[in-house]
Structure formats: structure tokens, C-alpha cells
PDB file of N, CA and C in Angstrom:
ATOM      1  N   UNK A   1      -8.893 -16.288  26.459  1.00  0.00           N
ATOM      2  CA  UNK A   1      -7.844 -17.164  25.165  1.00  0.00           C
ATOM      3  C   UNK A   1      -8.742 -17.973  23.635  1.00  0.00           C
ATOM      4  N   UNK A   2      -7.862 -17.773  22.917  1.00  0.00           N
ATOM      5  CA  UNK A   2      -8.556 -18.173  21.608  1.00  0.00           C
ATOM      6  C   UNK A   2      -8.263 -20.264  20.665  1.00  0.00           C
ATOM      7  N   UNK A   3      -8.699 -20.674  20.073  1.00  0.00           N
ATOM      8  CA  UNK A   3      -7.920 -21.598  20.232  1.00  0.00           C
ATOM      9  C   UNK A   3      -7.420 -21.833  18.347  1.00  0.00           C
ATOM     10  N   UNK A   4      -6.239 -21.958  18.040  1.00  0.00           N
ATOM     11  CA  UNK A   4      -6.184 -21.856  17.229  1.00  0.00           C
ATOM     12  C   UNK A   4      -6.477 -23.024  16.127  1.00  0.00           C
ATOM     13  N   UNK A   5      -7.298 -24.536  16.725  1.00  0.00           N
ATOM     14  CA  UNK A   5      -8.238 -24.346  15.235  1.00  0.00           C
ATOM     15  C   UNK A   5      -9.004 -24.715  14.722  1.00  0.00           C
ATOM     16  N   UNK A   6      -9.902 -23.351  15.804  1.00  0.00           N
ATOM     17  CA  UNK A   6     -10.995 -22.304  14.802  1.00  0.00           C
ATOM     18  C   UNK A   6     -10.949 -21.244  13.651  1.00  0.00           C
ATOM     19  N   UNK A   7      -9.672 -21.530  13.392  1.00  0.00           N
ATOM     20  CA  UNK A   7      -8.870 -21.002  11.936  1.00  0.00           C
ATOM     21  C   UNK A   7      -9.405 -21.825  11.169  1.00  0.00           C
ATOM     22  N   UNK A   8      -9.156 -23.290  11.515  1.00  0.00           N
ATOM     23  CA  UNK A   8      -9.077 -24.206  10.472  1.00  0.00           C
ATOM     24  C   UNK A   8      -7.921 -24.110   9.245  1.00  0.00           C
ATOM     25  N   UNK A   9      -8.355 -25.475   8.313  1.00  0.00           N
ATOM     26  CA  UNK A   9      -6.881 -26.716   7.708  1.00  0.00           C
ATOM     27  C   UNK A   9      -6.531 -25.661   6.743  1.00  0.00           C
ATOM     28  N   UNK A  10      -6.939 -24.842   6.559  1.00  0.00           N
ATOM     29  CA  UNK A  10      -7.323 -23.941   5.843  1.00  0.00           C
ATOM     30  C   UNK A  10      -6.394 -23.140   5.735  1.00  0.00           C
ATOM     31  N   UNK A  11      -6.026 -22.442   6.786  1.00  0.00           N
ATOM     32  CA  UNK A  11      -5.907 -20.560   7.665  1.00  0.00           C
ATOM     33  C   UNK A  11      -4.471 -20.684   6.559  1.00  0.00           C
ATOM     34  N   UNK A  12      -3.654 -21.346   6.363  1.00  0.00           N
ATOM     35  CA  UNK A  12      -2.179 -20.655   5.999  1.00  0.00           C
ATOM     36  C   UNK A  12      -2.208 -20.661   5.066  1.00  0.00           C
ATOM     37  N   UNK A  13      -2.517 -20.888   3.408  1.00  0.00           N
ATOM     38  CA  UNK A  13      -3.190 -21.144   2.462  1.00  0.00           C
ATOM     39  C   UNK A  13      -4.040 -20.042   2.172  1.00  0.00           C
ATOM     40  N   UNK A  14      -5.099 -20.188   3.116  1.00  0.00           N
ATOM     41  CA  UNK A  14      -5.391 -19.210   2.263  1.00  0.00           C
ATOM     42  C   UNK A  14      -4.938 -17.169   3.875  1.00  0.00           C
ATOM     43  N   UNK A  15      -4.309 -17.222   4.035  1.00  0.00           N
ATOM     44  CA  UNK A  15      -3.372 -15.645   4.846  1.00  0.00           C
ATOM     45  C   UNK A  15      -2.559 -16.007   2.903  1.00  0.00           C
ATOM     46  N   UNK A  16      -1.458 -17.382   2.084  1.00  0.00           N
ATOM     47  CA  UNK A  16      -0.182 -16.539   1.894  1.00  0.00           C
ATOM     48  C   UNK A  16      -1.519 -16.498   0.254  1.00  0.00           C
ATOM     49  N   UNK A  17      -2.830 -16.368   0.564  1.00  0.00           N
ATOM     50  CA  UNK A  17      -3.357 -16.424  -1.037  1.00  0.00           C
ATOM     51  C   UNK A  17      -3.379 -14.212  -1.147  1.00  0.00           C
ATOM     52  N   UNK A  18      -3.832 -14.470  -0.504  1.00  0.00           N
ATOM     53  CA  UNK A  18      -4.714 -12.906  -0.107  1.00  0.00           C
ATOM     54  C   UNK A  18      -3.254 -11.907   0.101  1.00  0.00           C
ATOM     55  N   UNK A  19      -2.102 -12.301   0.959  1.00  0.00           N
ATOM     56  CA  UNK A  19      -1.371 -10.979   0.984  1.00  0.00           C
ATOM     57  C   UNK A  19      -0.316 -11.548  -0.275  1.00  0.00           C
ATOM     58  N   UNK A  20      -0.597 -12.541  -1.380  1.00  0.00           N
ATOM     59  CA  UNK A  20      -0.179 -12.677  -1.960  1.00  0.00           C
ATOM     60  C   UNK A  20      -0.755 -11.594  -3.447  1.00  0.00           C
ATOM     61  N   UNK A  21      -2.365 -11.341  -3.822  1.00  0.00           N
ATOM     62  CA  UNK A  21      -2.860 -10.469  -3.929  1.00  0.00           C
ATOM     63  C   UNK A  21      -2.954  -9.695  -3.738  1.00  0.00           C
ATOM     64  N   UNK A  22      -2.922  -9.706  -2.090  1.00  0.00           N
ATOM     65  CA  UNK A  22      -2.097  -7.845  -2.044  1.00  0.00           C
ATOM     66  C   UNK A  22      -1.597  -7.606  -3.301  1.00  0.00           C
ATOM     67  N   UNK A  23      -0.389  -8.081  -2.498  1.00  0.00           N
ATOM     68  CA  UNK A  23       1.201  -7.744  -3.297  1.00  0.00           C
ATOM     69  C   UNK A  23       0.906  -6.937  -4.983  1.00  0.00           C
ATOM     70  N   UNK A  24       0.314  -7.749  -6.136  1.00  0.00           N
ATOM     71  CA  UNK A  24      -0.083  -8.526  -6.824  1.00  0.00           C
ATOM     72  C   UNK A  24      -0.942  -6.632  -7.147  1.00  0.00           C
ATOM     73  N   UNK A  25      -2.098  -6.618  -6.395  1.00  0.00           N
ATOM     74  CA  UNK A  25      -3.100  -5.640  -6.483  1.00  0.00           C
ATOM     75  C   UNK A  25      -2.050  -3.789  -6.109  1.00  0.00           C
ATOM     76  N   UNK A  26      -1.521  -4.762  -5.121  1.00  0.00           N
ATOM     77  CA  UNK A  26      -0.536  -2.827  -4.857  1.00  0.00           C
ATOM     78  C   UNK A  26       0.589  -2.189  -6.626  1.00  0.00           C
ATOM     79  N   UNK A  27       1.709  -4.187  -6.400  1.00  0.00           N
ATOM     80  CA  UNK A  27       2.598  -3.865  -7.675  1.00  0.00           C
ATOM     81  C   UNK A  27       1.952  -3.405  -8.116  1.00  0.00           C
ATOM     82  N   UNK A  28       0.513  -3.612  -9.202  1.00  0.00           N
ATOM     83  CA  UNK A  28       0.042  -3.029 -10.817  1.00  0.00           C
ATOM     84  C   UNK A  28      -0.574  -1.812 -10.007  1.00  0.00           C
ATOM     85  N   UNK A  29      -1.160  -1.122  -9.454  1.00  0.00           N
ATOM     86  CA  UNK A  29      -0.926   0.447  -8.993  1.00  0.00           C
ATOM     87  C   UNK A  29      -0.600   1.082  -9.162  1.00  0.00           C
ATOM     88  N   UNK A  30       1.095   0.959  -8.474  1.00  0.00           N
ATOM     89  CA  UNK A  30       1.738   1.467  -8.599  1.00  0.00           C
ATOM     90  C   UNK A  30       2.858   0.787  -9.983  1.00  0.00           C
ATOM     91  N   UNK A  31       2.407  -0.152 -10.721  1.00  0.00           N
ATOM     92  CA  UNK A  31       3.417   0.422 -12.132  1.00  0.00           C
ATOM     93  C   UNK A  31       3.972   0.291 -12.582  1.00  0.00           C
ATOM     94  N   UNK A  32       4.673  -1.429 -11.155  1.00  0.00           N
ATOM     95  CA  UNK A  32       5.290  -1.452 -11.642  1.00  0.00           C
ATOM     96  C   UNK A  32       4.718  -3.425 -11.529  1.00  0.00           C
ATOM     97  N   UNK A  33       5.284  -3.921 -12.630  1.00  0.00           N
ATOM     98  CA  UNK A  33       5.664  -4.632 -13.584  1.00  0.00           C
ATOM     99  C   UNK A  33       6.441  -6.153 -12.375  1.00  0.00           C
ATOM    100  N   UNK A  34       5.443  -7.408 -12.097  1.00  0.00           N
ATOM    101  CA  UNK A  34       6.664  -8.720 -12.124  1.00  0.00           C
ATOM    102  C   UNK A  34       7.681  -8.562 -12.690  1.00  0.00           C
ATOM    103  N   UNK A  35       8.359  -8.954 -13.020  1.00  0.00           N
ATOM    104  CA  UNK A  35       9.711  -8.741 -14.291  1.00  0.00           C
ATOM    105  C   UNK A  35      10.103  -6.926 -13.406  1.00  0.00           C
ATOM    106  N   UNK A  36       9.618  -6.006 -13.501  1.00  0.00           N
ATOM    107  CA  UNK A  36      10.617  -5.378 -12.533  1.00  0.00           C
ATOM    108  C   UNK A  36      10.774  -5.614 -10.290  1.00  0.00           C
ATOM    109  N   UNK A  37       9.897  -5.443 -10.917  1.00  0.00           N
ATOM    110  CA  UNK A  37       9.873  -6.396  -9.078  1.00  0.00           C
ATOM    111  C   UNK A  37      10.831  -7.938  -8.881  1.00  0.00           C
ATOM    112  N   UNK A  38      10.586  -8.249  -9.511  1.00  0.00           N
ATOM    113  CA  UNK A  38      12.263  -9.837  -9.671  1.00  0.00           C
ATOM    114  C   UNK A  38      13.020  -9.124  -9.256  1.00  0.00           C
ATOM    115  N   UNK A  39      13.684  -8.404 -10.674  1.00  0.00           N
ATOM    116  CA  UNK A  39      14.636  -7.311 -10.775  1.00  0.00           C
ATOM    117  C   UNK A  39      15.135  -6.724  -9.496  1.00  0.00           C
ATOM    118  N   UNK A  40      14.580  -5.815  -8.768  1.00  0.00           N
ATOM    119  CA  UNK A  40      14.823  -5.139  -8.045  1.00  0.00           C
ATOM    120  C   UNK A  40      15.253  -6.241  -6.951  1.00  0.00           C
ATOM    121  N   UNK A  41      14.803  -7.099  -6.780  1.00  0.00           N
ATOM    122  CA  UNK A  41      14.454  -8.459  -5.345  1.00  0.00           C
ATOM    123  C   UNK A  41      16.109  -9.054  -5.805  1.00  0.00           C
ATOM    124  N   UNK A  42      16.747  -8.868  -7.102  1.00  0.00           N
ATOM    125  CA  UNK A  42      18.054  -9.766  -7.816  1.00  0.00           C
ATOM    126  C   UNK A  42      17.359 -11.677  -8.215  1.00  0.00           C
ATOM    127  N   UNK A  43      15.848 -11.470  -8.167  1.00  0.00           N
ATOM    128  CA  UNK A  43      15.842 -12.926  -9.007  1.00  0.00           C
ATOM    129  C   UNK A  43      16.318 -12.635 -10.851  1.00  0.00           C
ATOM    130  N   UNK A  44      16.651 -13.249 -11.826  1.00  0.00           N
ATOM    131  CA  UNK A  44      16.654 -13.024 -12.634  1.00  0.00           C
ATOM    132  C   UNK A  44      15.860 -13.198 -13.201  1.00  0.00           C
ATOM    133  N   UNK A  45      14.522 -13.897 -12.641  1.00  0.00           N
ATOM    134  CA  UNK A  45      12.730 -14.453 -13.782  1.00  0.00           C
ATOM    135  C   UNK A  45      11.807 -13.808 -12.941  1.00  0.00           C
ATOM    136  N   UNK A  46      10.510 -13.923 -13.956  1.00  0.00           N
ATOM    137  CA  UNK A  46       8.685 -13.276 -13.016  1.00  0.00           C
ATOM    138  C   UNK A  46       9.027 -14.611 -11.830  1.00  0.00           C
ATOM    139  N   UNK A  47       9.048 -15.928 -12.184  1.00  0.00           N
ATOM    140  CA  UNK A  47       8.149 -17.119 -12.482  1.00  0.00           C
ATOM    141  C   UNK A  47       8.692 -16.970 -10.239  1.00  0.00           C
ATOM    142  N   UNK A  48       9.702 -16.873  -9.593  1.00  0.00           N
ATOM    143  CA  UNK A  48       9.232 -16.600  -8.247  1.00  0.00           C
ATOM    144  C   UNK A  48       7.950 -15.811  -6.977  1.00  0.00           C
ATOM    145  N   UNK A  49       8.510 -14.126  -8.390  1.00  0.00           N
ATOM    146  CA  UNK A  49       6.822 -13.699  -7.658  1.00  0.00           C
ATOM    147  C   UNK A  49       5.526 -14.335  -8.281  1.00  0.00           C
ATOM    148  N   UNK A  50       5.169 -15.459  -9.789  1.00  0.00           N
ATOM    149  CA  UNK A  50       4.125 -14.871 -10.188  1.00  0.00           C
ATOM    150  C   UNK A  50       4.047 -16.014  -9.788  1.00  0.00           C
ATOM    151  N   UNK A  51       4.395 -16.543  -8.931  1.00  0.00           N
ATOM    152  CA  UNK A  51       4.087 -18.043  -8.425  1.00  0.00           C
ATOM    153  C   UNK A  51       3.501 -17.489  -6.888  1.00  0.00           C
ATOM    154  N   UNK A  52       4.384 -16.395  -5.966  1.00  0.00           N
ATOM    155  CA  UNK A  52       4.287 -16.501  -4.657  1.00  0.00           C
ATOM    156  C   UNK A  52       2.687 -15.548  -5.014  1.00  0.00           C
ATOM    157  N   UNK A  53       2.742 -14.977  -6.340  1.00  0.00           N
ATOM    158  CA  UNK A  53       1.973 -13.996  -6.100  1.00  0.00           C
ATOM    159  C   UNK A  53       0.126 -15.111  -5.736  1.00  0.00           C
ATOM    160  N   UNK A  54       0.067 -15.403  -6.360  1.00  0.00           N
ATOM    161  CA  UNK A  54      -0.961 -16.913  -6.543  1.00  0.00           C
ATOM    162  C   UNK A  54      -0.879 -17.615  -5.979  1.00  0.00           C
ATOM    163  N   UNK A  55       0.329 -18.126  -5.209  1.00  0.00           N
ATOM    164  CA  UNK A  55       0.295 -19.336  -3.774  1.00  0.00           C
ATOM    165  C   UNK A  55       0.419 -20.826  -5.049  1.00  0.00           C
ATOM    166  N   UNK A  56       1.084 -20.946  -5.913  1.00  0.00           N
ATOM    167  CA  UNK A  56       0.838 -21.592  -6.599  1.00  0.00           C
ATOM    168  C   UNK A  56       2.431 -23.012  -6.150  1.00  0.00           C
ATOM    169  N   UNK A  57       1.949 -23.856  -5.964  1.00  0.00           N
ATOM    170  CA  UNK A  57       3.214 -24.795  -5.685  1.00  0.00           C
ATOM    171  C   UNK A  57       3.527 -24.251  -3.657  1.00  0.00           C
ATOM    172  N   UNK A  58       2.192 -24.152  -3.097  1.00  0.00           N
ATOM    173  CA  UNK A  58       2.606 -23.350  -2.165  1.00  0.00           C
ATOM    174  C   UNK A  58       3.933 -22.693  -2.323  1.00  0.00           C
ATOM    175  N   UNK A  59       4.430 -21.583  -3.097  1.00  0.00           N
ATOM    176  CA  UNK A  59       5.392 -20.843  -3.039  1.00  0.00           C
ATOM    177  C   UNK A  59       4.914 -19.712  -2.421  1.00  0.00           C
ATOM    178  N   UNK A  60       5.533 -19.398  -1.649  1.00  0.00           N
ATOM    179  CA  UNK A  60       4.233 -17.860   0.049  1.00  0.00           C
ATOM    180  C   UNK A  60       5.883 -16.345  -0.898  1.00  0.00           C
ATOM    181  N   UNK A  61       5.795 -15.357  -0.537  1.00  0.00           N
ATOM    182  CA  UNK A  61       6.513 -14.931   0.628  1.00  0.00           C
ATOM    183  C   UNK A  61       6.929 -14.873   1.516  1.00  0.00           C
ATOM    184  N   UNK A  62       7.973 -14.303   1.869  1.00  0.00           N
ATOM    185  CA  UNK A  62       8.946 -14.822   2.381  1.00  0.00           C
ATOM    186  C   UNK A  62       8.857 -12.963   4.360  1.00  0.00           C
ATOM    187  N   UNK A  63       8.904 -13.641   5.534  1.00  0.00           N
ATOM    188  CA  UNK A  63       8.702 -12.262   5.537  1.00  0.00           C
ATOM    189  C   UNK A  63      10.417 -11.237   4.868  1.00  0.00           C
ATOM    190  N   UNK A  64      11.202 -11.703   5.639  1.00  0.00           N
ATOM    191  CA  UNK A  64      12.617 -10.485   4.326  1.00  0.00           C
ATOM    192  C   UNK A  64      11.402 -10.252   3.230  1.00  0.00           C
ATOM    193  N   UNK A  65      10.879 -11.430   2.180  1.00  0.00           N
ATOM    194  CA  UNK A  65      10.664 -10.694   0.752  1.00  0.00           C
ATOM    195  C   UNK A  65       9.061  -9.695   1.088  1.00  0.00           C
ATOM    196  N   UNK A  66       8.880  -9.925   1.830  1.00  0.00           N
ATOM    197  CA  UNK A  66       7.831  -8.963   2.366  1.00  0.00           C
ATOM    198  C   UNK A  66       8.185  -7.768   2.663  1.00  0.00           C
ATOM    199  N   UNK A  67       9.194  -7.111   3.589  1.00  0.00           N
ATOM    200  CA  UNK A  67       9.728  -6.349   3.432  1.00  0.00           C
ATOM    201  C   UNK A  67      10.417  -5.435   2.706  1.00  0.00           C
ATOM    202  N   UNK A  68      11.639  -6.728   2.013  1.00  0.00           N
ATOM    203  CA  UNK A  68      11.569  -5.423   0.570  1.00  0.00           C
ATOM    204  C   UNK A  68      10.889  -5.557  -0.528  1.00  0.00           C
ATOM    205  N   UNK A  69       9.943  -5.948  -0.376  1.00  0.00           N
ATOM    206  CA  UNK A  69       8.629  -4.842  -1.089  1.00  0.00           C
ATOM    207  C   UNK A  69       8.216  -4.068  -1.339  1.00  0.00           C
ATOM    208  N   UNK A  70       8.409  -4.759   0.749  1.00  0.00           N
ATOM    209  CA  UNK A  70       7.186  -3.112   0.795  1.00  0.00           C
ATOM    210  C   UNK A  70       8.057  -1.561   0.604  1.00  0.00           C
ATOM    211  N   UNK A  71       9.042  -2.056   0.369  1.00  0.00           N
ATOM    212  CA  UNK A  71       9.963  -0.635   0.752  1.00  0.00           C
ATOM    213  C   UNK A  71      10.608  -0.441  -0.685  1.00  0.00           C
ATOM    214  N   UNK A  72      10.481  -1.419  -1.491  1.00  0.00           N
ATOM    215  CA  UNK A  72      10.490  -0.794  -3.180  1.00  0.00           C
ATOM    216  C   UNK A  72       9.155  -0.158  -3.156  1.00  0.00           C
ATOM    217  N   UNK A  73       7.863  -0.778  -3.169  1.00  0.00           N
ATOM    218  CA  UNK A  73       7.549  -0.191  -3.655  1.00  0.00           C
ATOM    219  C   UNK A  73       6.474   1.087  -2.955  1.00  0.00           C
ATOM    220  N   UNK A  74       7.283   1.673  -1.466  1.00  0.00           N
ATOM    221  CA  UNK A  74       6.757   2.555  -0.974  1.00  0.00           C
ATOM    222  C   UNK A  74       6.378   2.234  -0.019  1.00  0.00           C
ATOM    223  N   UNK A  75       5.427   1.239   0.634  1.00  0.00           N
ATOM    224  CA  UNK A  75       3.903   1.498   0.793  1.00  0.00           C
ATOM    225  C   UNK A  75       4.193   0.206   2.572  1.00  0.00           C
ATOM    226  N   UNK A  76       3.118   0.890   3.388  1.00  0.00           N
ATOM    227  CA  UNK A  76       3.999  -0.244   4.936  1.00  0.00           C
ATOM    228  C   UNK A  76       3.459  -1.132   4.680  1.00  0.00           C
ATOM    229  N   UNK A  77       4.235  -2.174   5.678  1.00  0.00           N
ATOM    230  CA  UNK A  77       4.395  -3.689   5.034  1.00  0.00           C
ATOM    231  C   UNK A  77       3.313  -4.313   5.631  1.00  0.00           C
ATOM    232  N   UNK A  78       1.729  -3.820   6.249  1.00  0.00           N
ATOM    233  CA  UNK A  78       1.196  -3.185   7.202  1.00  0.00           C
ATOM    234  C   UNK A  78      -0.098  -3.532   5.821  1.00  0.00           C
ATOM    235  N   UNK A  79       0.271  -3.258   4.380  1.00  0.00           N
ATOM    236  CA  UNK A  79      -0.763  -3.097   3.633  1.00  0.00           C
ATOM    237  C   UNK A  79      -0.961  -4.701   2.946  1.00  0.00           C
ATOM    238  N   UNK A  80       0.484  -5.927   2.488  1.00  0.00           N
ATOM    239  CA  UNK A  80       0.211  -6.409   2.303  1.00  0.00           C
ATOM    240  C   UNK A  80      -1.375  -7.081   3.172  1.00  0.00           C
ATOM    241  N   UNK A  81      -0.511  -7.138   4.226  1.00  0.00           N
ATOM    242  CA  UNK A  81      -2.040  -8.027   5.338  1.00  0.00           C
ATOM    243  C   UNK A  81      -3.604  -7.522   5.426  1.00  0.00           C
ATOM    244  N   UNK A  82      -3.961  -6.433   4.973  1.00  0.00           N
ATOM    245  CA  UNK A  82      -5.102  -5.757   4.187  1.00  0.00           C
ATOM    246  C   UNK A  82      -6.262  -6.446   4.362  1.00  0.00           C
ATOM    247  N   UNK A  83      -6.828  -7.061   5.442  1.00  0.00           N
ATOM    248  CA  UNK A  83      -8.906  -7.455   5.140  1.00  0.00           C
ATOM    249  C   UNK A  83      -8.338  -9.488   5.459  1.00  0.00           C
ATOM    250  N   UNK A  84      -7.150  -9.038   6.174  1.00  0.00           N
ATOM    251  CA  UNK A  84      -6.876 -10.762   6.389  1.00  0.00           C
ATOM    252  C   UNK A  84      -7.962 -10.812   7.671  1.00  0.00           C
TER     253      UNK A  84
END
């Protein structure tokens, strides 16, 4: 069994940044703007999307948001975890 401390103290930050980066990459490949994605998720502005894509102020996507974004972008949720 591995020791959880091997992941390092910045593991969560790196994880959220990579997931956000992967979402941004896929969103752009699918030619979906932050605004279009925000509206599809029920937001009134791009702020939650733009912040979570770059982990601004520790804002990140939760599991429910990941599932909805995967559905909207028509990709498996696992695509957001590539290269982690």
C-alpha cells in the first residue's frame, strides 16, 4: 500500500489545475465558448467556468459539474483526467 504523503502537499492544486486545463482544451476543440458552456450549466456569466478552468481563488469543478460538462461536450468524464 502506498503512503498518501507521497502525493505531496500540492497534489489537490495540481489535480484541479490539470482537470480545468483538460476541460478548457476539450471545450475549445469542440468550439464551445465559456459563455455557451456557462449558460448550458445554468450560470448567468462565464465567471464560474473561467475561474474553475484556471483554479482561480481555489475555485474548481465538482463531480456533478464534471458529469454535466462531459454530457454537454459529448465526451467521457475520464477525458478530464488524462495525463494526471
